Amino acid sequence: MTSRSQRHQHTLLALATAVAAGALLSTTLGGAATAQPAAQDRPGAAPVALSATARTSLLQQARTSAAATAQAIGLGTQEKLVVKDVVRDADGTVHTRYERTYAGLPVLGGDLIVHTAKSGERKGVTRAAQGSVKPASLTPRIAPDRAEQQALGVAKSAGSEKSRASRAPRTVVWAASGTPVLAYETVVGGFQDDGTPNELHVVTDAATGRKLFQYQAVETGVGNTKYSGKVDLTSTQSGSSYTLTDASRGGHKTYDLAHGESGTGTLFTQDNDTWGDGTTASAATAAGDQPTRPTARRSPGTSTRAPSAATASRTTVSAPTRASTTARRTSTPSGTTPASA
């Protein structure tokens, strides 16, 4: 049986291998590649909390201009951008995160972020992987069933119980490492060896049947809280980032309201699974004190919104500010219930 720590180390190693070539460099439109500056190096770079109306407006603008943006940043005619998220800094700079498709297929490793100044000028692009995403062929040579059986075998080897494919394998383009190829992505449900719900993603080469990558989307992170000390937090992994989304309990999510008491806020997202530092200087400290711990009881579909310092997306850096430690739990579809830290 594979221990949680061993599994977590394996996942991190695999992720590091997959994204090493595309270490999220910010590539200017002029062609020179430079590391993206930290928030403290650019005044006004700290993200701000967006109202629901403002966020919806920015997302709609990005969707409307997605085709023009794809052309402007040099994507091929078969590539399209799918808007996933948006962050706006205090100086008006907007960071829009996209996923990519090729010939209508999702591109794993095709994520990118376009940075746009308040004036509307595009300042640069941050890519998860560099180079073309065009595979040599779009015709699979193996059946999806073979990929599914491989994924179930991987889950069983990891000690998973009651493993089953959550859905039929989907056809994708794998571009996170090596030469882009046509592939299948299979998601395996059931339970991990420690009883945690399973969401194991296995990517299989659609031509050779070789396993290309695997990662566990349901992880147990560490929360360094102010009032409860060190606690376990059930988080969700997506690619190289983690969010405070508890998939094991109805998709409960924790948002940052940046000292506010209402609004949409920003889902806590970062590139590692250790949250907070035990002080109010970190917004994630307050998030860890909210009911995202595995022992907390809550109804499916609820979300905690912590009015603490804003955290940015995985490509921008938040300036540390004092975090409040009270929160509101928002139940869906209606009603709000106060929740103490």
Protein backbone atom coordinates (compact mmCIF):
# COMPACT_ATOMS: atom_id res chain seq x y z
CA MET A 1 0.00 0.00 0.00
CA THR A 2 1.33 3.39 -0.95
CA SER A 3 1.53 5.94 1.85
CA ARG A 4 0.08 9.43 1.36
CA SER A 5 3.50 11.05 1.68
CA GLN A 6 5.01 8.71 -0.91
CA ARG A 7 2.14 9.37 -3.29
CA HIS A 8 2.41 13.11 -2.80
CA GLN A 9 6.17 13.05 -3.46
CA HIS A 10 5.61 11.03 -6.63
CA THR A 11 3.00 13.52 -7.83
CA LEU A 12 5.26 16.49 -7.21
CA LEU A 13 8.16 14.80 -9.01
CA ALA A 14 5.98 14.02 -12.00
CA LEU A 15 4.64 17.55 -12.12
CA ALA A 16 8.12 19.01 -11.91
CA THR A 17 9.17 16.87 -14.86
CA ALA A 18 6.09 17.82 -16.88
CA VAL A 19 6.38 21.57 -16.51
CA ALA A 20 10.14 22.03 -16.21
CA ALA A 21 10.52 23.17 -19.80
CA GLY A 22 7.74 25.71 -19.43
CA ALA A 23 8.55 27.21 -16.05
CA LEU A 24 6.01 29.96 -16.56
CA LEU A 25 8.30 32.51 -18.14
CA SER A 26 6.65 35.71 -19.19
CA THR A 27 7.37 36.10 -22.89
CA THR A 28 7.02 39.65 -24.15
CA LEU A 29 5.34 40.19 -27.49
CA GLY A 30 8.64 41.53 -28.76
CA GLY A 31 10.09 38.04 -28.43
CA ALA A 32 12.45 38.27 -25.44
CA ALA A 33 11.77 35.87 -22.57
CA THR A 34 12.09 37.24 -19.05
CA ALA A 35 10.94 36.01 -15.64
CA GLN A 36 7.72 37.65 -14.60
CA PRO A 37 8.44 40.42 -12.02
CA ALA A 38 7.23 39.96 -8.48
CA ALA A 39 4.50 42.25 -7.18
CA GLN A 40 6.90 44.18 -4.94
CA ASP A 41 9.00 45.05 -8.00
CA ARG A 42 6.06 46.63 -9.80
CA PRO A 43 4.03 49.16 -7.77
CA GLY A 44 0.30 48.44 -8.00
CA ALA A 45 0.88 44.79 -8.94
CA ALA A 46 -1.13 43.35 -6.05
CA PRO A 47 -4.46 41.91 -7.25
CA VAL A 48 -7.69 43.47 -6.10
CA ALA A 49 -11.01 41.84 -5.23
CA LEU A 50 -13.48 42.05 -8.09
CA SER A 51 -17.21 42.47 -7.70
CA ALA A 52 -19.34 39.84 -9.43
CA THR A 53 -20.33 42.40 -12.06
CA ALA A 54 -16.76 43.49 -12.76
CA ARG A 55 -15.49 39.93 -13.02
CA THR A 56 -18.32 38.91 -15.34
CA SER A 57 -17.61 41.93 -17.54
CA LEU A 58 -13.88 41.14 -17.81
CA LEU A 59 -14.58 37.49 -18.59
CA GLN A 60 -17.07 38.46 -21.29
CA GLN A 61 -14.61 40.91 -22.85
CA ALA A 62 -11.97 38.18 -22.92
CA ARG A 63 -14.36 35.71 -24.55
CA THR A 64 -15.41 38.25 -27.18
CA SER A 65 -11.80 38.99 -28.11
CA ALA A 66 -10.46 35.42 -27.75
CA ALA A 67 -10.01 34.87 -31.49
CA ALA A 68 -8.19 38.19 -31.93
CA THR A 69 -6.03 37.44 -28.91
CA ALA A 70 -5.07 34.03 -30.30
CA GLN A 71 -4.00 35.63 -33.55
CA ALA A 72 -2.12 38.45 -31.81
CA ILE A 73 -0.01 36.06 -29.72
CA GLY A 74 0.83 33.89 -32.70
CA LEU A 75 -1.35 30.79 -32.27
CA GLY A 76 -2.07 28.60 -35.27
CA THR A 77 -5.35 28.46 -37.18
CA GLN A 78 -6.31 25.17 -35.49
CA GLU A 79 -5.80 26.61 -32.00
CA LYS A 80 -8.50 28.36 -29.99
CA LEU A 81 -8.50 29.99 -26.56
CA VAL A 82 -11.00 29.14 -23.82
CA VAL A 83 -11.25 31.75 -21.06
CA LYS A 84 -10.92 30.26 -17.56
CA ASP A 85 -10.16 33.06 -15.11
CA VAL A 86 -9.21 36.71 -14.77
CA VAL A 87 -7.31 38.75 -12.17
CA ARG A 88 -6.96 42.53 -12.12
CA ASP A 89 -4.17 44.36 -10.31
CA ALA A 90 -4.46 47.64 -8.46
CA ASP A 91 -2.77 49.45 -11.37
CA GLY A 92 -5.38 48.16 -13.82
CA THR A 93 -3.26 45.39 -15.35
CA VAL A 94 -5.42 42.39 -16.22
CA HIS A 95 -4.16 38.79 -16.23
CA THR A 96 -6.43 36.47 -18.20
CA ARG A 97 -5.92 32.74 -17.99
CA TYR A 98 -6.86 30.60 -20.96
CA GLU A 99 -6.93 26.94 -21.76
CA ARG A 100 -6.25 25.96 -25.35
CA THR A 101 -7.84 23.62 -27.87
CA TYR A 102 -6.36 22.18 -31.04
CA ALA A 103 -8.77 21.05 -33.75
CA GLY A 104 -11.44 21.15 -31.07
CA LEU A 105 -9.52 18.90 -28.64
CA PRO A 106 -8.41 20.11 -25.19
CA VAL A 107 -4.66 20.71 -24.98
CA LEU A 108 -3.13 19.49 -21.72
CA GLY A 109 -0.18 21.78 -21.07
CA GLY A 110 -1.58 24.45 -23.36
CA ASP A 111 -2.58 26.86 -20.57
CA LEU A 112 -1.41 30.42 -20.95
CA ILE A 113 -1.95 33.80 -19.34
CA VAL A 114 -2.13 37.05 -21.28
CA HIS A 115 -1.10 40.19 -19.40
CA THR A 116 -2.83 43.38 -20.54
CA ALA A 117 -2.11 46.91 -19.33
CA LYS A 118 -4.89 49.28 -18.30
CA SER A 119 -4.44 51.04 -21.65
CA GLY A 120 -5.34 47.82 -23.46
CA GLU A 121 -1.78 47.13 -24.61
CA ARG A 122 -0.74 43.48 -24.34
CA LYS A 123 2.37 43.33 -22.18
CA GLY A 124 3.28 39.65 -22.44
CA VAL A 125 2.24 36.01 -22.33
CA THR A 126 2.97 33.38 -19.69
CA ARG A 127 2.89 29.87 -21.13
CA ALA A 128 2.77 26.54 -19.32
CA ALA A 129 4.75 25.03 -22.19
CA GLN A 130 6.73 26.58 -25.00
CA GLY A 131 6.63 25.62 -28.67
CA SER A 132 3.99 24.20 -30.97
CA VAL A 133 1.08 22.08 -29.74
CA LYS A 134 0.46 20.43 -33.12
CA PRO A 135 0.52 16.61 -32.92
CA ALA A 136 1.76 14.54 -35.85
CA SER A 137 -1.60 12.77 -36.16
CA LEU A 138 -5.14 13.19 -34.90
CA THR A 139 -6.06 9.56 -35.56
CA PRO A 140 -5.86 7.22 -32.52
CA ARG A 141 -4.32 3.78 -32.98
CA ILE A 142 -5.61 2.22 -29.77
CA ALA A 143 -9.15 2.00 -28.43
CA PRO A 144 -10.26 4.12 -25.46
CA ASP A 145 -10.95 0.91 -23.49
CA ARG A 146 -7.23 0.14 -23.44
CA ALA A 147 -6.48 3.53 -21.91
CA GLU A 148 -9.21 2.99 -19.32
CA GLN A 149 -7.83 -0.39 -18.29
CA GLN A 150 -4.37 1.11 -17.95
CA ALA A 151 -5.72 3.86 -15.69
CA LEU A 152 -7.60 1.37 -13.51
CA GLY A 153 -4.41 -0.64 -13.17
CA VAL A 154 -2.48 2.45 -12.08
CA ALA A 155 -5.14 3.19 -9.44
CA LYS A 156 -5.10 -0.40 -8.17
CA SER A 157 -1.29 -0.35 -7.90
CA ALA A 158 -1.58 2.79 -5.75
CA GLY A 159 -3.89 0.96 -3.32
CA SER A 160 -7.14 2.44 -4.58
CA GLU A 161 -10.35 0.65 -3.61
CA LYS A 162 -13.59 0.39 -5.59
CA SER A 163 -11.83 2.03 -8.52
CA ARG A 164 -13.92 2.89 -11.55
CA ALA A 165 -13.64 5.31 -14.43
CA SER A 166 -15.63 8.42 -13.60
CA ARG A 167 -16.36 8.90 -17.29
CA ALA A 168 -15.24 7.56 -20.64
CA PRO A 169 -11.66 8.52 -21.57
CA ARG A 170 -11.60 11.83 -23.41
CA THR A 171 -9.38 12.48 -26.41
CA VAL A 172 -6.86 15.28 -25.82
CA VAL A 173 -3.60 16.67 -27.10
CA TRP A 174 -0.73 16.13 -24.64
CA ALA A 175 1.70 19.07 -24.85
CA ALA A 176 2.98 19.41 -21.29
CA SER A 177 6.24 17.62 -22.05
CA GLY A 178 8.07 16.25 -25.04
CA THR A 179 6.60 16.25 -28.53
CA PRO A 180 2.84 16.95 -28.61
CA VAL A 181 0.82 13.79 -29.23
CA LEU A 182 -2.77 12.66 -29.41
CA ALA A 183 -3.73 11.07 -26.09
CA TYR A 184 -6.54 9.83 -23.87
CA GLU A 185 -7.20 11.24 -20.41
CA THR A 186 -8.96 8.86 -18.03
CA VAL A 187 -10.27 9.94 -14.61
CA VAL A 188 -10.57 7.16 -12.03
CA GLY A 189 -12.92 7.50 -9.07
CA GLY A 190 -13.44 5.33 -5.98
CA PHE A 191 -11.23 5.74 -2.90
CA GLN A 192 -7.52 6.16 -2.26
CA ASP A 193 -5.64 3.81 0.06
CA ASP A 194 -6.38 6.02 3.08
CA GLY A 195 -10.11 6.32 2.37
CA THR A 196 -9.85 9.74 0.71
CA PRO A 197 -12.02 10.02 -2.42
CA ASN A 198 -10.06 9.27 -5.57
CA GLU A 199 -9.72 11.49 -8.65
CA LEU A 200 -6.73 10.00 -10.41
CA HIS A 201 -5.99 11.41 -13.87
CA VAL A 202 -4.01 9.15 -16.22
CA VAL A 203 -2.87 10.32 -19.66
CA THR A 204 -2.20 7.62 -22.27
CA ASP A 205 -0.58 7.98 -25.69
CA ALA A 206 -3.36 7.25 -28.20
CA ALA A 207 -0.86 5.81 -30.69
CA THR A 208 1.35 3.58 -28.53
CA GLY A 209 -0.67 2.99 -25.35
CA ARG A 210 2.25 4.30 -23.27
CA LYS A 211 1.38 6.08 -20.04
CA LEU A 212 2.47 9.71 -20.40
CA PHE A 213 1.46 11.19 -17.07
CA GLN A 214 -0.63 10.74 -13.96
CA TYR A 215 -1.69 12.97 -11.10
CA GLN A 216 -4.03 12.81 -8.14
CA ALA A 217 -6.50 15.72 -8.14
CA VAL A 218 -7.68 15.17 -4.55
CA GLU A 219 -4.82 15.95 -2.18
CA THR A 220 -4.46 16.48 1.54
CA GLY A 221 -2.62 19.73 2.09
CA VAL A 222 -1.25 21.33 5.23
CA GLY A 223 -2.82 24.43 6.77
CA ASN A 224 -0.74 26.56 9.14
CA THR A 225 -3.58 28.33 10.95
CA LYS A 226 -3.65 31.04 13.59
CA TYR A 227 -6.08 29.41 16.01
CA SER A 228 -5.90 25.67 15.29
CA GLY A 229 -2.19 25.15 14.65
CA LYS A 230 -1.23 22.76 11.86
CA VAL A 231 -4.22 21.01 10.27
CA ASP A 232 -4.95 18.83 7.26
CA LEU A 233 -6.80 20.52 4.40
CA THR A 234 -8.42 18.65 1.55
CA SER A 235 -7.44 20.52 -1.60
CA THR A 236 -7.74 19.91 -5.34
CA GLN A 237 -4.81 19.76 -7.71
CA SER A 238 -5.08 20.87 -11.33
CA GLY A 239 -1.87 20.68 -13.32
CA SER A 240 0.79 22.51 -11.33
CA SER A 241 -1.58 24.45 -9.07
CA TYR A 242 -3.73 23.70 -6.01
CA THR A 243 -7.03 25.22 -4.93
CA LEU A 244 -8.91 25.10 -1.63
CA THR A 245 -11.64 22.98 -3.20
CA ASP A 246 -12.78 19.99 -1.16
CA ALA A 247 -13.93 17.51 -3.79
CA SER A 248 -14.55 14.91 -1.10
CA ARG A 249 -17.39 16.95 0.41
CA GLY A 250 -19.49 18.30 -2.40
CA GLY A 251 -16.95 20.67 -3.90
CA HIS A 252 -16.73 23.07 -0.94
CA LYS A 253 -14.55 26.04 -1.92
CA THR A 254 -12.83 28.79 0.08
CA TYR A 255 -12.65 32.27 -1.45
CA ASP A 256 -10.73 35.38 -0.49
CA LEU A 257 -12.84 38.53 -0.07
CA ALA A 258 -9.89 40.85 0.70
CA HIS A 259 -11.42 42.15 3.95
CA GLY A 260 -14.89 42.39 2.41
CA GLU A 261 -18.14 40.90 3.63
CA SER A 262 -19.76 40.18 0.26
CA GLY A 263 -18.93 39.65 -3.40
CA THR A 264 -17.44 36.83 -5.43
CA GLY A 265 -13.88 36.97 -4.16
CA THR A 266 -10.99 34.92 -5.51
CA LEU A 267 -10.66 31.17 -5.09
CA PHE A 268 -7.54 30.39 -3.02
CA THR A 269 -5.02 29.10 -5.57
CA GLN A 270 -1.28 28.52 -5.34
CA ASP A 271 1.52 26.34 -6.69
CA ASN A 272 2.05 24.25 -3.54
CA ASP A 273 -0.14 22.47 -1.02
CA THR A 274 0.98 24.23 2.18
CA TRP A 275 -1.43 27.00 3.13
CA GLY A 276 -0.66 29.95 5.41
CA ASP A 277 2.20 30.59 7.81
CA GLY A 278 0.30 30.85 11.11
CA THR A 279 0.25 34.65 11.05
CA THR A 280 -2.24 37.20 9.77
CA ALA A 281 0.33 38.36 7.23
CA SER A 282 -0.82 35.48 5.03
CA ALA A 283 -4.35 35.37 3.66
CA ALA A 284 -4.18 31.58 3.52
CA THR A 285 -3.75 31.45 7.31
CA ALA A 286 -7.32 32.67 7.70
CA ALA A 287 -8.48 30.29 4.98
CA GLY A 288 -7.00 27.36 6.89
CA ASP A 289 -8.98 28.38 9.97
CA GLN A 290 -12.21 28.12 7.97
CA PRO A 291 -14.16 24.84 7.75
CA THR A 292 -12.16 23.37 4.86
CA ARG A 293 -10.56 20.78 7.11
CA PRO A 294 -11.48 17.14 6.46
CA THR A 295 -13.11 16.85 9.90
CA ALA A 296 -15.54 19.70 9.30
CA ARG A 297 -19.15 18.94 8.44
CA ARG A 298 -20.91 20.88 5.74
CA SER A 299 -23.52 20.49 3.05
CA PRO A 300 -22.49 19.73 -0.54
CA GLY A 301 -22.03 22.79 -2.71
CA THR A 302 -21.17 25.24 0.07
CA SER A 303 -18.34 27.71 -0.04
CA THR A 304 -16.43 29.70 2.54
CA ARG A 305 -15.51 33.28 1.73
CA ALA A 306 -12.70 34.62 3.87
CA PRO A 307 -12.43 38.44 4.03
CA SER A 308 -8.66 38.36 4.12
CA ALA A 309 -5.81 39.66 1.98
CA ALA A 310 -6.27 38.91 -1.70
CA THR A 311 -4.41 36.00 -3.24
CA ALA A 312 -3.60 36.12 -6.93
CA SER A 313 -3.73 33.52 -9.61
CA ARG A 314 -0.76 31.21 -9.96
CA THR A 315 1.03 33.70 -12.21
CA THR A 316 0.81 36.84 -10.10
CA VAL A 317 2.19 37.50 -6.65
CA SER A 318 0.09 38.98 -3.88
CA ALA A 319 1.57 41.69 -1.68
CA PRO A 320 1.18 40.47 1.93
CA THR A 321 -1.36 42.38 3.97
CA ARG A 322 -3.06 41.75 7.28
CA ALA A 323 -5.69 39.04 7.10
CA SER A 324 -8.99 39.03 8.93
CA THR A 325 -9.96 35.72 10.50
CA THR A 326 -13.72 35.84 10.24
CA ALA A 327 -15.58 34.34 7.33
CA ARG A 328 -18.96 33.74 5.84
CA ARG A 329 -20.12 30.38 4.57
CA THR A 330 -22.31 30.79 1.53
CA SER A 331 -24.74 27.98 0.89
CA THR A 332 -26.07 27.33 -2.56
CA PRO A 333 -28.52 27.89 -4.10
CA SER A 334 -29.55 30.56 -1.59
CA GLY A 335 -28.87 31.90 1.88
CA THR A 336 -25.75 32.73 3.86
CA THR A 337 -24.79 31.35 7.23
CA PRO A 338 -22.05 32.99 9.32
CA ALA A 339 -19.11 30.72 10.09
CA SER A 340 -16.52 31.45 12.71
CA ALA A 341 -12.83 30.98 12.14
